[in-house]
């Protein structure tokens, strides 16, 4: 996949609002996803997690799940020398669950375990 984001949104009324910051330099949620990417893929009795720490720092990531409005740790995963971690966790979670990764001074955004509906997009127009 290739994406091209402007650093900051264009001034209004431009339709090109694809920056990682709003026009006033306030960060958008997408900036966190680029800074600390994390995914959690639910299987029948397990969840595969993958992430990369901000700045590719070596750390131990704490994988958490949201439970009753609070985040609860479910596993600790050490990164490699590039700050990347992955692990299959033996967990049986409902599809409504959300997970995230956390290190000492940063958290990823929450990743829902519910798969999105597959949508066909015609690459050649309508």
C-alpha atoms as a PDB file:
ATOM      1  CA  UNK A   1       0.000   0.000   0.000  1.00  0.00           C
ATOM      2  CA  UNK A   2       1.206   3.502  -0.711  1.00  0.00           C
ATOM      3  CA  UNK A   3      -0.289   6.615   0.852  1.00  0.00           C
ATOM      4  CA  UNK A   4       0.646  10.209   0.375  1.00  0.00           C
ATOM      5  CA  UNK A   5      -0.374  12.594   3.087  1.00  0.00           C
ATOM      6  CA  UNK A   6       0.338  16.278   3.152  1.00  0.00           C
ATOM      7  CA  UNK A   7       1.816  17.395   6.422  1.00  0.00           C
ATOM      8  CA  UNK A   8      -0.988  19.927   7.026  1.00  0.00           C
ATOM      9  CA  UNK A   9      -4.466  20.428   5.557  1.00  0.00           C
ATOM     10  CA  UNK A  10      -4.930  22.999   2.824  1.00  0.00           C
ATOM     11  CA  UNK A  11      -6.671  26.266   3.781  1.00  0.00           C
ATOM     12  CA  UNK A  12     -10.476  26.194   3.453  1.00  0.00           C
ATOM     13  CA  UNK A  13     -12.411  25.939   1.135  1.00  0.00           C
ATOM     14  CA  UNK A  14      -9.964  23.519  -0.532  1.00  0.00           C
ATOM     15  CA  UNK A  15     -11.363  19.961  -0.832  1.00  0.00           C
ATOM     16  CA  UNK A  16      -7.857  18.559  -0.193  1.00  0.00           C
ATOM     17  CA  UNK A  17      -7.885  17.850   3.530  1.00  0.00           C
ATOM     18  CA  UNK A  18      -5.514  14.869   3.680  1.00  0.00           C
ATOM     19  CA  UNK A  19      -2.876  16.184   6.072  1.00  0.00           C
ATOM     20  CA  UNK A  20      -1.704  14.633   9.305  1.00  0.00           C
ATOM     21  CA  UNK A  21      -2.391  18.002  11.000  1.00  0.00           C
ATOM     22  CA  UNK A  22      -5.400  20.306  10.738  1.00  0.00           C
ATOM     23  CA  UNK A  23      -4.819  23.726   9.163  1.00  0.00           C
ATOM     24  CA  UNK A  24      -4.088  25.147  12.670  1.00  0.00           C
ATOM     25  CA  UNK A  25      -1.352  22.485  13.245  1.00  0.00           C
ATOM     26  CA  UNK A  26      -3.481  20.506  15.711  1.00  0.00           C
ATOM     27  CA  UNK A  27      -2.562  16.820  15.204  1.00  0.00           C
ATOM     28  CA  UNK A  28      -5.134  14.453  13.705  1.00  0.00           C
ATOM     29  CA  UNK A  29      -5.687  10.923  15.109  1.00  0.00           C
ATOM     30  CA  UNK A  30      -4.022   9.489  11.984  1.00  0.00           C
ATOM     31  CA  UNK A  31      -0.714  10.958  13.151  1.00  0.00           C
ATOM     32  CA  UNK A  32      -0.697   8.554  16.118  1.00  0.00           C
ATOM     33  CA  UNK A  33      -1.351   5.622  13.783  1.00  0.00           C
ATOM     34  CA  UNK A  34       1.724   6.574  11.755  1.00  0.00           C
ATOM     35  CA  UNK A  35       3.846   7.262  14.830  1.00  0.00           C
ATOM     36  CA  UNK A  36       2.900   4.060  16.698  1.00  0.00           C
ATOM     37  CA  UNK A  37       1.295   1.549  14.294  1.00  0.00           C
ATOM     38  CA  UNK A  38      -0.500  -1.399  15.895  1.00  0.00           C
ATOM     39  CA  UNK A  39      -2.855  -4.079  14.580  1.00  0.00           C
ATOM     40  CA  UNK A  40      -4.706  -6.935  16.278  1.00  0.00           C
ATOM     41  CA  UNK A  41      -6.267  -9.684  14.183  1.00  0.00           C
ATOM     42  CA  UNK A  42      -8.761 -11.963  15.918  1.00  0.00           C
ATOM     43  CA  UNK A  43      -8.851 -15.683  15.199  1.00  0.00           C
ATOM     44  CA  UNK A  44     -11.090 -18.290  16.857  1.00  0.00           C
ATOM     45  CA  UNK A  45      -9.088 -18.724  20.080  1.00  0.00           C
ATOM     46  CA  UNK A  46      -6.218 -16.314  19.568  1.00  0.00           C
ATOM     47  CA  UNK A  47      -5.303 -12.774  18.589  1.00  0.00           C
ATOM     48  CA  UNK A  48      -2.283 -11.935  16.430  1.00  0.00           C
ATOM     49  CA  UNK A  49      -0.727  -8.567  17.326  1.00  0.00           C
ATOM     50  CA  UNK A  50       1.889  -6.543  15.464  1.00  0.00           C
ATOM     51  CA  UNK A  51       3.312  -3.104  16.048  1.00  0.00           C
ATOM     52  CA  UNK A  52       6.300  -0.775  15.845  1.00  0.00           C
ATOM     53  CA  UNK A  53       7.281   1.584  18.619  1.00  0.00           C
ATOM     54  CA  UNK A  54       7.662   5.335  18.021  1.00  0.00           C
ATOM     55  CA  UNK A  55      11.144   6.086  16.730  1.00  0.00           C
ATOM     56  CA  UNK A  56      11.703   2.331  16.349  1.00  0.00           C
ATOM     57  CA  UNK A  57      12.948   2.218  19.925  1.00  0.00           C
ATOM     58  CA  UNK A  58      13.755  -1.074  21.591  1.00  0.00           C
ATOM     59  CA  UNK A  59      11.209  -1.614  24.373  1.00  0.00           C
ATOM     60  CA  UNK A  60       8.734  -3.998  25.931  1.00  0.00           C
ATOM     61  CA  UNK A  61       5.245  -3.276  24.627  1.00  0.00           C
ATOM     62  CA  UNK A  62       2.291  -3.972  26.886  1.00  0.00           C
ATOM     63  CA  UNK A  63      -0.695  -5.184  24.877  1.00  0.00           C
ATOM     64  CA  UNK A  64      -3.979  -4.134  26.494  1.00  0.00           C
ATOM     65  CA  UNK A  65      -7.664  -4.736  25.895  1.00  0.00           C
ATOM     66  CA  UNK A  66     -10.503  -2.412  26.749  1.00  0.00           C
ATOM     67  CA  UNK A  67     -12.722  -3.843  29.452  1.00  0.00           C
ATOM     68  CA  UNK A  68     -15.545  -1.895  31.064  1.00  0.00           C
ATOM     69  CA  UNK A  69     -14.118   1.455  29.978  1.00  0.00           C
ATOM     70  CA  UNK A  70     -10.624   0.716  31.355  1.00  0.00           C
ATOM     71  CA  UNK A  71      -7.517  -0.688  29.674  1.00  0.00           C
ATOM     72  CA  UNK A  72      -6.255  -3.990  31.138  1.00  0.00           C
ATOM     73  CA  UNK A  73      -2.909  -5.597  30.231  1.00  0.00           C
ATOM     74  CA  UNK A  74      -3.059  -9.014  28.547  1.00  0.00           C
ATOM     75  CA  UNK A  75       0.578  -9.542  27.463  1.00  0.00           C
ATOM     76  CA  UNK A  76       4.061  -8.045  27.330  1.00  0.00           C
ATOM     77  CA  UNK A  77       6.020  -8.366  24.099  1.00  0.00           C
ATOM     78  CA  UNK A  78       9.684  -7.453  23.554  1.00  0.00           C
ATOM     79  CA  UNK A  79      10.583  -5.626  20.360  1.00  0.00           C
ATOM     80  CA  UNK A  80      13.415  -6.486  18.037  1.00  0.00           C
ATOM     81  CA  UNK A  81      16.299  -4.070  17.359  1.00  0.00           C
ATOM     82  CA  UNK A  82      14.063  -2.073  14.961  1.00  0.00           C
ATOM     83  CA  UNK A  83      11.254  -1.609  17.517  1.00  0.00           C
ATOM     84  CA  UNK A  84       8.967  -4.161  15.822  1.00  0.00           C
ATOM     85  CA  UNK A  85       6.987  -6.685  17.846  1.00  0.00           C
ATOM     86  CA  UNK A  86       4.583  -9.476  16.947  1.00  0.00           C
ATOM     87  CA  UNK A  87       3.021 -12.352  18.798  1.00  0.00           C
ATOM     88  CA  UNK A  88       0.041 -14.681  18.692  1.00  0.00           C
ATOM     89  CA  UNK A  89      -1.780 -14.447  22.013  1.00  0.00           C
ATOM     90  CA  UNK A  90      -3.976 -17.284  23.232  1.00  0.00           C
ATOM     91  CA  UNK A  91      -7.091 -15.264  24.032  1.00  0.00           C
ATOM     92  CA  UNK A  92     -10.748 -15.767  23.371  1.00  0.00           C
ATOM     93  CA  UNK A  93     -12.159 -12.264  22.943  1.00  0.00           C
ATOM     94  CA  UNK A  94     -15.498 -11.090  21.584  1.00  0.00           C
ATOM     95  CA  UNK A  95     -15.484  -9.346  18.202  1.00  0.00           C
ATOM     96  CA  UNK A  96     -16.616  -6.185  19.996  1.00  0.00           C
ATOM     97  CA  UNK A  97     -13.290  -5.953  21.883  1.00  0.00           C
ATOM     98  CA  UNK A  98     -10.605  -3.348  21.202  1.00  0.00           C
ATOM     99  CA  UNK A  99      -6.877  -3.620  21.823  1.00  0.00           C
ATOM    100  CA  UNK A 100      -3.899  -1.268  21.914  1.00  0.00           C
ATOM    101  CA  UNK A 101      -0.177  -1.346  22.676  1.00  0.00           C
ATOM    102  CA  UNK A 102       1.576   0.829  25.233  1.00  0.00           C
ATOM    103  CA  UNK A 103       5.176   1.587  26.123  1.00  0.00           C
ATOM    104  CA  UNK A 104       6.430   3.811  28.946  1.00  0.00           C
ATOM    105  CA  UNK A 105       5.570   7.167  27.371  1.00  0.00           C
ATOM    106  CA  UNK A 106       3.229   6.393  24.457  1.00  0.00           C
ATOM    107  CA  UNK A 107       0.151   4.406  23.419  1.00  0.00           C
ATOM    108  CA  UNK A 108      -1.109   3.313  20.039  1.00  0.00           C
ATOM    109  CA  UNK A 109      -4.659   4.136  19.033  1.00  0.00           C
ATOM    110  CA  UNK A 110      -7.267   1.467  19.827  1.00  0.00           C
ATOM    111  CA  UNK A 111      -7.664  -1.266  17.221  1.00  0.00           C
ATOM    112  CA  UNK A 112     -11.120  -2.891  16.989  1.00  0.00           C
ATOM    113  CA  UNK A 113     -11.242  -6.668  16.579  1.00  0.00           C
ATOM    114  CA  UNK A 114     -14.440  -6.544  14.528  1.00  0.00           C
ATOM    115  CA  UNK A 115     -13.616  -6.974  10.850  1.00  0.00           C
ATOM    116  CA  UNK A 116     -14.977  -4.218   8.633  1.00  0.00           C
ATOM    117  CA  UNK A 117     -17.470  -5.081   5.930  1.00  0.00           C
ATOM    118  CA  UNK A 118     -15.771  -5.789   2.605  1.00  0.00           C
ATOM    119  CA  UNK A 119     -16.709  -3.118   0.069  1.00  0.00           C
ATOM    120  CA  UNK A 120     -16.105  -3.351  -3.665  1.00  0.00           C
ATOM    121  CA  UNK A 121     -14.563  -0.254  -5.223  1.00  0.00           C
ATOM    122  CA  UNK A 122     -14.330  -0.114  -8.994  1.00  0.00           C
ATOM    123  CA  UNK A 123     -10.799   1.129  -9.782  1.00  0.00           C
ATOM    124  CA  UNK A 124     -11.934   2.406 -13.182  1.00  0.00           C
ATOM    125  CA  UNK A 125     -14.778   4.610 -11.982  1.00  0.00           C
ATOM    126  CA  UNK A 126     -18.516   3.979 -11.925  1.00  0.00           C
END
